[in-house]
């Protein structure tokens, strides 16, 4: 892994006040080291770390992704009840889920118009709205 990627990952952790452990720096570098936003699953990040020669357990990847979400560094996007993706772009924006490829990408925010949301039930408030648009190739 490039030293600049490690440095970028370490700085990213510092913005949230997270201690830069070896595992966190490795995973942060894979997530933001090149400056590009990405969508990963725990498994795909685990595989990327392993392919890079880094020894990190899958449990550590899950725990680290949870810590990154709790610190506001990542946004978790649940596509179905059993599959979560982690997005380095934490601003509110819609997503495309490519069903044929099980891949999540950003959708253009400027094309999304939500005219009205339903009223929240008594005693509740709307915390967020997640928009995932499922796509499949035309037959």
N, C-alpha and C. Protein backbone atom coordinates (compact mmCIF):
# COMPACT_ATOMS: atom_id res chain seq x y z
N UNK A 1 0.85 -1.18 0.00
CA UNK A 1 0.00 0.00 0.00
C UNK A 1 0.90 1.24 0.00
N UNK A 2 0.47 2.26 -0.70
CA UNK A 2 1.26 3.49 -0.81
C UNK A 2 1.29 4.22 0.52
N UNK A 3 2.44 4.85 0.84
CA UNK A 3 2.56 5.63 2.07
C UNK A 3 1.54 6.77 2.10
N UNK A 4 1.25 7.37 0.93
CA UNK A 4 0.27 8.46 0.89
C UNK A 4 -1.12 7.95 1.25
N UNK A 5 -1.44 6.71 0.87
CA UNK A 5 -2.73 6.13 1.23
C UNK A 5 -2.83 5.94 2.74
N UNK A 6 -1.73 5.46 3.34
CA UNK A 6 -1.71 5.27 4.79
C UNK A 6 -1.85 6.62 5.50
N UNK A 7 -1.17 7.63 4.98
CA UNK A 7 -1.25 8.97 5.56
C UNK A 7 -2.66 9.54 5.45
N UNK A 8 -3.29 9.36 4.29
CA UNK A 8 -4.65 9.84 4.10
C UNK A 8 -5.60 9.12 5.05
N UNK A 9 -5.45 7.80 5.18
CA UNK A 9 -6.28 7.03 6.10
C UNK A 9 -6.11 7.46 7.54
N UNK A 10 -4.89 7.73 7.93
CA UNK A 10 -4.60 8.18 9.30
C UNK A 10 -5.23 9.54 9.57
N UNK A 11 -5.14 10.45 8.62
CA UNK A 11 -5.76 11.78 8.77
C UNK A 11 -7.28 11.67 8.85
N UNK A 12 -7.85 10.77 8.06
CA UNK A 12 -9.30 10.55 8.07
C UNK A 12 -9.76 10.09 9.44
N UNK A 13 -9.01 9.19 10.05
CA UNK A 13 -9.33 8.73 11.41
C UNK A 13 -9.23 9.89 12.40
N UNK A 14 -8.22 10.72 12.24
CA UNK A 14 -8.02 11.85 13.16
C UNK A 14 -9.18 12.83 13.11
N UNK A 15 -9.82 12.98 11.94
CA UNK A 15 -10.94 13.92 11.84
C UNK A 15 -12.09 13.52 12.76
N UNK A 16 -12.16 12.24 13.09
CA UNK A 16 -13.23 11.74 13.97
C UNK A 16 -12.72 11.44 15.37
N UNK A 17 -11.45 11.72 15.60
CA UNK A 17 -10.88 11.46 16.92
C UNK A 17 -10.69 9.98 17.23
N UNK A 18 -10.57 9.16 16.19
CA UNK A 18 -10.36 7.72 16.40
C UNK A 18 -8.87 7.42 16.50
N UNK A 19 -8.54 6.55 17.43
CA UNK A 19 -7.16 6.14 17.63
C UNK A 19 -6.69 5.34 16.40
N UNK A 20 -5.53 5.67 15.85
CA UNK A 20 -5.07 5.02 14.62
C UNK A 20 -4.37 3.68 14.89
N UNK A 21 -5.15 2.65 15.23
CA UNK A 21 -4.56 1.32 15.40
C UNK A 21 -4.12 0.81 14.04
N UNK A 22 -3.29 -0.20 14.02
CA UNK A 22 -2.80 -0.76 12.75
C UNK A 22 -3.97 -1.19 11.86
N UNK A 23 -4.93 -1.91 12.45
CA UNK A 23 -6.06 -2.40 11.66
C UNK A 23 -6.91 -1.24 11.13
N UNK A 24 -7.16 -0.26 11.95
CA UNK A 24 -7.96 0.89 11.50
C UNK A 24 -7.27 1.64 10.38
N UNK A 25 -5.96 1.83 10.49
CA UNK A 25 -5.23 2.55 9.45
C UNK A 25 -5.26 1.77 8.14
N UNK A 26 -5.07 0.45 8.22
CA UNK A 26 -5.12 -0.37 7.01
C UNK A 26 -6.48 -0.25 6.34
N UNK A 27 -7.55 -0.42 7.10
CA UNK A 27 -8.90 -0.37 6.53
C UNK A 27 -9.26 1.04 6.05
N UNK A 28 -8.88 2.05 6.81
CA UNK A 28 -9.13 3.43 6.40
C UNK A 28 -8.40 3.75 5.10
N UNK A 29 -7.18 3.26 4.97
CA UNK A 29 -6.40 3.49 3.75
C UNK A 29 -7.07 2.86 2.54
N UNK A 30 -7.63 1.67 2.72
CA UNK A 30 -8.34 1.02 1.63
C UNK A 30 -9.62 1.77 1.27
N UNK A 31 -10.25 2.38 2.27
CA UNK A 31 -11.51 3.09 2.03
C UNK A 31 -11.29 4.46 1.40
N UNK A 32 -10.33 5.24 1.89
CA UNK A 32 -10.20 6.63 1.44
C UNK A 32 -8.80 7.01 0.97
N UNK A 33 -7.90 6.07 0.95
CA UNK A 33 -6.50 6.37 0.63
C UNK A 33 -6.29 7.04 -0.71
N UNK A 34 -7.12 6.68 -1.70
CA UNK A 34 -6.94 7.27 -3.03
C UNK A 34 -7.83 8.49 -3.25
N UNK A 35 -8.59 8.88 -2.22
CA UNK A 35 -9.43 10.07 -2.32
C UNK A 35 -10.75 9.86 -3.03
N UNK A 36 -11.05 8.64 -3.45
CA UNK A 36 -12.29 8.34 -4.15
C UNK A 36 -13.33 7.81 -3.17
N UNK A 37 -14.60 8.18 -3.38
CA UNK A 37 -15.67 7.60 -2.59
C UNK A 37 -15.90 6.17 -3.05
N UNK A 38 -16.27 5.32 -2.11
CA UNK A 38 -16.55 3.94 -2.47
C UNK A 38 -17.64 3.35 -1.61
N UNK A 39 -18.20 2.27 -2.11
CA UNK A 39 -19.23 1.50 -1.42
C UNK A 39 -18.66 0.10 -1.24
N UNK A 40 -18.57 -0.37 -0.01
CA UNK A 40 -17.99 -1.69 0.25
C UNK A 40 -18.91 -2.48 1.17
N UNK A 41 -18.77 -3.79 1.09
CA UNK A 41 -19.35 -4.65 2.11
C UNK A 41 -18.20 -5.04 3.04
N UNK A 42 -18.53 -5.57 4.19
CA UNK A 42 -17.48 -6.03 5.10
C UNK A 42 -16.63 -7.10 4.41
N UNK A 43 -17.29 -7.97 3.66
CA UNK A 43 -16.57 -9.05 2.99
C UNK A 43 -15.64 -8.53 1.91
N UNK A 44 -16.10 -7.54 1.13
CA UNK A 44 -15.24 -7.02 0.07
C UNK A 44 -14.04 -6.26 0.65
N UNK A 45 -14.24 -5.57 1.77
CA UNK A 45 -13.13 -4.87 2.42
C UNK A 45 -12.15 -5.87 3.02
N UNK A 46 -12.67 -6.93 3.62
CA UNK A 46 -11.83 -8.01 4.15
C UNK A 46 -10.97 -8.61 3.03
N UNK A 47 -11.60 -8.89 1.88
CA UNK A 47 -10.87 -9.45 0.74
C UNK A 47 -9.79 -8.49 0.24
N UNK A 48 -10.11 -7.21 0.19
CA UNK A 48 -9.13 -6.21 -0.27
C UNK A 48 -7.94 -6.16 0.67
N UNK A 49 -8.20 -6.23 1.97
CA UNK A 49 -7.10 -6.22 2.95
C UNK A 49 -6.24 -7.47 2.79
N UNK A 50 -6.90 -8.60 2.65
CA UNK A 50 -6.18 -9.87 2.49
C UNK A 50 -5.36 -9.85 1.20
N UNK A 51 -5.94 -9.35 0.10
CA UNK A 51 -5.23 -9.28 -1.17
C UNK A 51 -4.02 -8.35 -1.08
N UNK A 52 -4.10 -7.36 -0.19
CA UNK A 52 -2.98 -6.44 0.01
C UNK A 52 -1.94 -6.97 0.98
N UNK A 53 -2.16 -8.19 1.47
CA UNK A 53 -1.18 -8.80 2.38
C UNK A 53 -1.36 -8.40 3.83
N UNK A 54 -2.49 -7.78 4.17
CA UNK A 54 -2.72 -7.35 5.55
C UNK A 54 -3.53 -8.39 6.29
N UNK A 55 -3.10 -8.69 7.50
CA UNK A 55 -3.77 -9.69 8.33
C UNK A 55 -4.80 -9.02 9.23
N UNK A 56 -6.06 -9.11 8.81
CA UNK A 56 -7.17 -8.55 9.58
C UNK A 56 -8.30 -9.56 9.54
N UNK A 57 -8.86 -9.89 10.68
CA UNK A 57 -9.95 -10.87 10.70
C UNK A 57 -11.25 -10.22 10.21
N UNK A 58 -12.17 -11.05 9.74
CA UNK A 58 -13.46 -10.55 9.29
C UNK A 58 -14.21 -9.89 10.45
N UNK A 59 -14.09 -10.45 11.64
CA UNK A 59 -14.74 -9.84 12.82
C UNK A 59 -14.18 -8.45 13.08
N UNK A 60 -12.88 -8.27 12.91
CA UNK A 60 -12.27 -6.95 13.09
C UNK A 60 -12.80 -5.98 12.05
N UNK A 61 -12.97 -6.45 10.82
CA UNK A 61 -13.51 -5.59 9.76
C UNK A 61 -14.91 -5.12 10.14
N UNK A 62 -15.77 -6.05 10.58
CA UNK A 62 -17.13 -5.68 10.99
C UNK A 62 -17.09 -4.67 12.13
N UNK A 63 -16.29 -4.93 13.15
CA UNK A 63 -16.21 -4.04 14.31
C UNK A 63 -15.66 -2.67 13.92
N UNK A 64 -14.70 -2.65 13.03
CA UNK A 64 -14.10 -1.39 12.60
C UNK A 64 -15.09 -0.58 11.76
N UNK A 65 -15.81 -1.24 10.86
CA UNK A 65 -16.83 -0.54 10.07
C UNK A 65 -17.89 0.06 10.99
N UNK A 66 -18.28 -0.67 12.01
CA UNK A 66 -19.27 -0.16 12.98
C UNK A 66 -18.70 1.07 13.69
N UNK A 67 -17.45 1.01 14.11
CA UNK A 67 -16.81 2.16 14.78
C UNK A 67 -16.74 3.36 13.83
N UNK A 68 -16.42 3.12 12.56
CA UNK A 68 -16.36 4.21 11.59
C UNK A 68 -17.74 4.84 11.39
N UNK A 69 -18.79 4.01 11.36
CA UNK A 69 -20.16 4.54 11.24
C UNK A 69 -20.52 5.35 12.48
N UNK A 70 -20.24 4.81 13.66
CA UNK A 70 -20.55 5.50 14.91
C UNK A 70 -19.83 6.85 15.01
N UNK A 71 -18.64 6.93 14.41
CA UNK A 71 -17.85 8.16 14.44
C UNK A 71 -18.27 9.14 13.33
N UNK A 72 -19.18 8.71 12.45
CA UNK A 72 -19.64 9.59 11.37
C UNK A 72 -18.77 9.57 10.13
N UNK A 73 -17.85 8.61 10.05
CA UNK A 73 -16.96 8.54 8.89
C UNK A 73 -17.58 7.79 7.72
N UNK A 74 -18.52 6.91 8.01
CA UNK A 74 -19.18 6.11 6.99
C UNK A 74 -20.68 6.18 7.17
N UNK A 75 -21.38 5.91 6.10
CA UNK A 75 -22.83 5.80 6.12
C UNK A 75 -23.15 4.35 5.76
N UNK A 76 -23.98 3.70 6.57
CA UNK A 76 -24.41 2.34 6.25
C UNK A 76 -25.67 2.40 5.40
N UNK A 77 -25.67 1.66 4.31
CA UNK A 77 -26.81 1.59 3.41
C UNK A 77 -27.26 0.13 3.38
N UNK A 78 -28.45 -0.11 3.88
CA UNK A 78 -28.98 -1.47 3.89
C UNK A 78 -29.80 -1.68 2.63
N UNK A 79 -29.41 -2.67 1.86
CA UNK A 79 -30.07 -2.94 0.59
C UNK A 79 -31.21 -3.93 0.77
N UNK A 80 -31.00 -4.91 1.57
CA UNK A 80 -32.07 -5.80 1.97
C UNK A 80 -31.78 -6.19 3.41
N UNK A 81 -32.60 -7.01 3.99
CA UNK A 81 -32.44 -7.30 5.41
C UNK A 81 -31.12 -7.93 5.79
N UNK A 82 -30.42 -8.50 4.82
CA UNK A 82 -29.20 -9.23 5.17
C UNK A 82 -27.93 -8.64 4.56
N UNK A 83 -28.03 -7.54 3.82
CA UNK A 83 -26.85 -7.01 3.13
C UNK A 83 -26.70 -5.52 3.38
N UNK A 84 -25.56 -5.16 3.95
CA UNK A 84 -25.25 -3.75 4.18
C UNK A 84 -24.03 -3.36 3.37
N UNK A 85 -24.09 -2.14 2.86
CA UNK A 85 -22.94 -1.53 2.19
C UNK A 85 -22.53 -0.34 3.03
N UNK A 86 -21.25 0.00 2.96
CA UNK A 86 -20.72 1.12 3.72
C UNK A 86 -20.17 2.13 2.71
N UNK A 87 -20.65 3.37 2.85
CA UNK A 87 -20.39 4.43 1.89
C UNK A 87 -19.50 5.48 2.53
N UNK A 88 -18.42 5.83 1.86
CA UNK A 88 -17.53 6.87 2.39
C UNK A 88 -18.09 8.27 2.19
N UNK A 89 -19.10 8.41 1.33
CA UNK A 89 -19.78 9.70 1.14
C UNK A 89 -20.91 9.77 2.16
N UNK A 90 -20.74 10.56 3.19
CA UNK A 90 -21.72 10.61 4.28
C UNK A 90 -22.80 11.66 4.09
N UNK A 91 -22.77 12.39 2.98
CA UNK A 91 -23.83 13.36 2.70
C UNK A 91 -25.06 12.60 2.21
N UNK A 92 -26.24 13.16 2.50
CA UNK A 92 -27.48 12.52 2.04
C UNK A 92 -27.50 12.48 0.51
N UNK A 93 -27.69 11.30 -0.03
CA UNK A 93 -27.79 11.13 -1.47
C UNK A 93 -28.41 9.77 -1.78
N UNK A 94 -29.05 9.65 -2.95
CA UNK A 94 -29.67 8.38 -3.33
C UNK A 94 -28.63 7.41 -3.90
N UNK A 95 -29.04 6.16 -4.00
CA UNK A 95 -28.17 5.11 -4.52
C UNK A 95 -28.89 4.27 -5.55
N UNK A 96 -28.10 3.73 -6.48
CA UNK A 96 -28.56 2.68 -7.38
C UNK A 96 -28.01 1.37 -6.84
N UNK A 97 -28.86 0.35 -6.79
CA UNK A 97 -28.39 -1.00 -6.48
C UNK A 97 -28.56 -1.84 -7.72
N UNK A 98 -27.45 -2.28 -8.27
CA UNK A 98 -27.42 -3.07 -9.49
C UNK A 98 -27.62 -4.53 -9.10
N UNK A 99 -28.86 -5.01 -9.22
CA UNK A 99 -29.21 -6.34 -8.74
C UNK A 99 -28.40 -7.45 -9.39
N UNK A 100 -28.14 -7.34 -10.70
CA UNK A 100 -27.41 -8.39 -11.42
C UNK A 100 -25.96 -8.51 -10.95
N UNK A 101 -25.43 -7.44 -10.39
CA UNK A 101 -24.02 -7.43 -9.97
C UNK A 101 -23.86 -7.30 -8.46
N UNK A 102 -24.96 -7.14 -7.72
CA UNK A 102 -24.93 -6.91 -6.27
C UNK A 102 -23.96 -5.76 -5.97
N UNK A 103 -24.13 -4.65 -6.70
CA UNK A 103 -23.23 -3.50 -6.59
C UNK A 103 -24.04 -2.25 -6.29
N UNK A 104 -23.50 -1.40 -5.41
CA UNK A 104 -24.14 -0.15 -5.03
C UNK A 104 -23.32 1.01 -5.58
N UNK A 105 -24.01 1.98 -6.21
CA UNK A 105 -23.35 3.18 -6.71
C UNK A 105 -24.19 4.40 -6.34
N UNK A 106 -23.59 5.56 -6.39
CA UNK A 106 -24.33 6.78 -6.14
C UNK A 106 -25.26 7.08 -7.33
N UNK A 107 -26.42 7.61 -7.02
CA UNK A 107 -27.35 8.09 -8.04
C UNK A 107 -27.31 9.61 -8.01
N UNK A 108 -27.62 10.26 -9.11
CA UNK A 108 -27.55 11.73 -9.15
C UNK A 108 -28.58 12.38 -8.22
N UNK A 109 -28.09 13.10 -7.24
CA UNK A 109 -28.96 13.77 -6.27
C UNK A 109 -29.81 14.86 -6.91
N UNK A 110 -29.24 15.54 -7.90
CA UNK A 110 -29.96 16.67 -8.50
C UNK A 110 -31.16 16.23 -9.33
N UNK A 111 -31.30 14.93 -9.59
CA UNK A 111 -32.45 14.44 -10.35
C UNK A 111 -33.54 13.87 -9.46
N UNK A 112 -33.28 13.78 -8.18
CA UNK A 112 -34.26 13.22 -7.25
C UNK A 112 -35.11 14.33 -6.67
N UNK A 113 -36.42 14.15 -6.75
CA UNK A 113 -37.34 15.11 -6.17
C UNK A 113 -38.31 14.34 -5.27
N UNK A 114 -38.31 14.67 -4.00
CA UNK A 114 -39.28 14.10 -3.07
C UNK A 114 -40.21 15.25 -2.70
N UNK A 115 -41.44 15.17 -3.19
CA UNK A 115 -42.37 16.28 -3.02
C UNK A 115 -42.92 16.37 -1.61
N UNK A 116 -43.17 15.23 -0.99
CA UNK A 116 -43.75 15.27 0.34
C UNK A 116 -43.52 13.93 1.04
N UNK A 117 -43.24 13.99 2.31
CA UNK A 117 -43.13 12.79 3.13
C UNK A 117 -44.38 12.66 3.98
N UNK A 118 -44.74 11.45 4.35
CA UNK A 118 -45.89 11.30 5.26
C UNK A 118 -45.54 11.85 6.64
N UNK A 119 -46.55 12.27 7.37
CA UNK A 119 -46.32 12.74 8.73
C UNK A 119 -45.83 11.58 9.58
N UNK A 120 -44.90 11.87 10.46
CA UNK A 120 -44.42 10.85 11.39
C UNK A 120 -45.51 10.56 12.41
N UNK A 121 -45.57 9.34 12.89
CA UNK A 121 -46.57 9.01 13.92
C UNK A 121 -46.38 9.88 15.17
N UNK A 122 -47.41 9.99 15.95
CA UNK A 122 -47.38 10.77 17.19
C UNK A 122 -46.19 10.33 18.05
N UNK A 123 -45.43 11.30 18.52
CA UNK A 123 -44.30 11.03 19.40
C UNK A 123 -43.03 10.63 18.68
N UNK A 124 -43.02 10.70 17.34
CA UNK A 124 -41.83 10.32 16.57
C UNK A 124 -41.47 11.45 15.62
N UNK A 125 -40.23 11.45 15.18
CA UNK A 125 -39.78 12.39 14.16
C UNK A 125 -38.97 11.64 13.12
N UNK A 126 -38.99 12.12 11.90
CA UNK A 126 -38.24 11.49 10.82
C UNK A 126 -36.76 11.80 11.02
N UNK A 127 -35.96 10.75 11.12
CA UNK A 127 -34.52 10.91 11.33
C UNK A 127 -33.78 11.00 10.00
N UNK A 128 -34.21 10.23 9.02
CA UNK A 128 -33.58 10.27 7.70
C UNK A 128 -34.47 9.54 6.70
N UNK A 129 -34.16 9.74 5.44
CA UNK A 129 -34.85 9.05 4.36
C UNK A 129 -33.77 8.44 3.48
N UNK A 130 -33.83 7.13 3.30
CA UNK A 130 -32.87 6.44 2.45
C UNK A 130 -33.55 6.08 1.14
N UNK A 131 -32.89 6.42 0.04
CA UNK A 131 -33.43 6.10 -1.27
C UNK A 131 -32.46 5.15 -1.98
N UNK A 132 -32.92 3.92 -2.22
CA UNK A 132 -32.16 2.93 -2.96
C UNK A 132 -33.02 2.52 -4.15
N UNK A 133 -32.53 2.81 -5.33
CA UNK A 133 -33.24 2.49 -6.57
C UNK A 133 -32.63 1.22 -7.13
N UNK A 134 -33.44 0.18 -7.20
CA UNK A 134 -32.95 -1.12 -7.68
C UNK A 134 -33.00 -1.15 -9.21
N UNK A 135 -31.89 -1.61 -9.79
CA UNK A 135 -31.78 -1.69 -11.25
C UNK A 135 -31.48 -3.11 -11.67
N UNK A 136 -31.95 -3.47 -12.85
CA UNK A 136 -31.54 -4.73 -13.48
C UNK A 136 -31.44 -4.48 -14.97
N UNK A 137 -30.65 -5.28 -15.65
CA UNK A 137 -30.49 -5.13 -17.09
C UNK A 137 -31.81 -5.45 -17.79
N UNK A 138 -32.10 -4.70 -18.82
CA UNK A 138 -33.30 -4.94 -19.61
C UNK A 138 -33.21 -6.29 -20.29
N UNK A 139 -34.33 -6.95 -20.36
CA UNK A 139 -34.36 -8.28 -21.01
C UNK A 139 -34.34 -8.14 -22.52
